[in-house]
């Protein structure tokens, strides 16, 4: 099989899932925000409307079409990241044991802070007269933003926006769940800034505790006066660079006063319905990295020659992927009588760990009926990691590991109980 054909097969197997996740979370997030505004409109959100104008149906159609185009761009970049991570060009890992939860949290926070700086300066640059028409014109066609405006970008702008993620992952080792969490965060914050109503719990006075967080009014004013309020999450860049809208604080105070003067209690039915919808949508966002891949490969499998037993189960922190760890070894001790360790691992710090318990298969996703791919296979015999694909055939499991999609080796694994039953039958 040629490299080009192998790449096409990988694209056909992986890309549809990546695109479905990107488009799905956009539709869920924007749809949920729209539903939230509708459900609580008469209960108080109409008092928090930022502009008197209302977006037209033609605006919504344009925003949805261009946003779906943006998700296509994001998905293409996501597939390129998949290939780059597999080739070792990006520092993305899946096992929490590699660096621990403290590192996970710290790198996620740093990624958000760094992205805010990236967004401010690239956003401000795209407003330059020589760049605006090419990069940012489509987004500013929405004078009165809606949740569906969130991804309404020109293609060059979409590329600039998503470029931050692979650039960051090339420099900072990141857990794949941290990257997924970041993508959800940036989307939700983006949607919140385009709802057309003030969702933040503003009081009318600059908050000492939350004053550094941008409100919905902050970005809405940017759509009204494009020369100000370039920040996304935080206000510090606009304040330091003198680009905060001069009426920003007054507008927030005015909305807060309106809200206080006419606040009514939300109908209980609307509350219950919205909470239920929030719970359903939240569950969809949390599990949105792909469809569940537990399937028929879950459980225990004996490797060729009954050298070991490997158990497949959902990966830690990623229920939609499957991982396989060694449960038992035919030769559990080395020639010196000591417990066998991962002695050939390329990471010297891991060479002393026992082989029993090591995850040798990671990150498999069900990309077609009976086929799991997109993961990796670690071979303790040589300490190397290969591209992994698993296929079920006649009750047996075919595991294929490839180096650079060219040098491949396939093994057939079977259920231990089937082997034992066959031996007894003899």
Foldseek 3Di string as FASTA:
>chain_A
DDLVVLVVVVCLLPLVLQLCLLLVLLCLLQVLLLLLCVLCVVQFQVLQQQDPDDDDPVLLVLLLVLLSVLSSLLSVVVVVVLVCVQVVQFQEDAACVVPHDVLQVVVLVVLVVVLQVLQLVVLLVCPDPVRVVQWPVQLLVCLQFALSSLRNTHSVNSCSNNVSLRVSRSPDRHYPVSSLVSVSVQSNLSSQLRHSGWPDPDQLDQDPVCNQFDISLLSSVCSNPVQANRGRGTCVVRVVVVRGDPCSSVSSNSSNVSSVVDRHHRDPVSVVVSVVSVVVSVVCSQQSSGAAAQPDQAAWKQWPVSQFIWGWAARVSHRRFIWIATAGGPDQADPVRHGQALQQAPPNVRRRHGRHGDTQKDGWHPSDVQKTFSIWGADSVNNDIFGWMWGDDPQWIWIWGDDSSPRIDITIIHDPVVVVVVVVVD
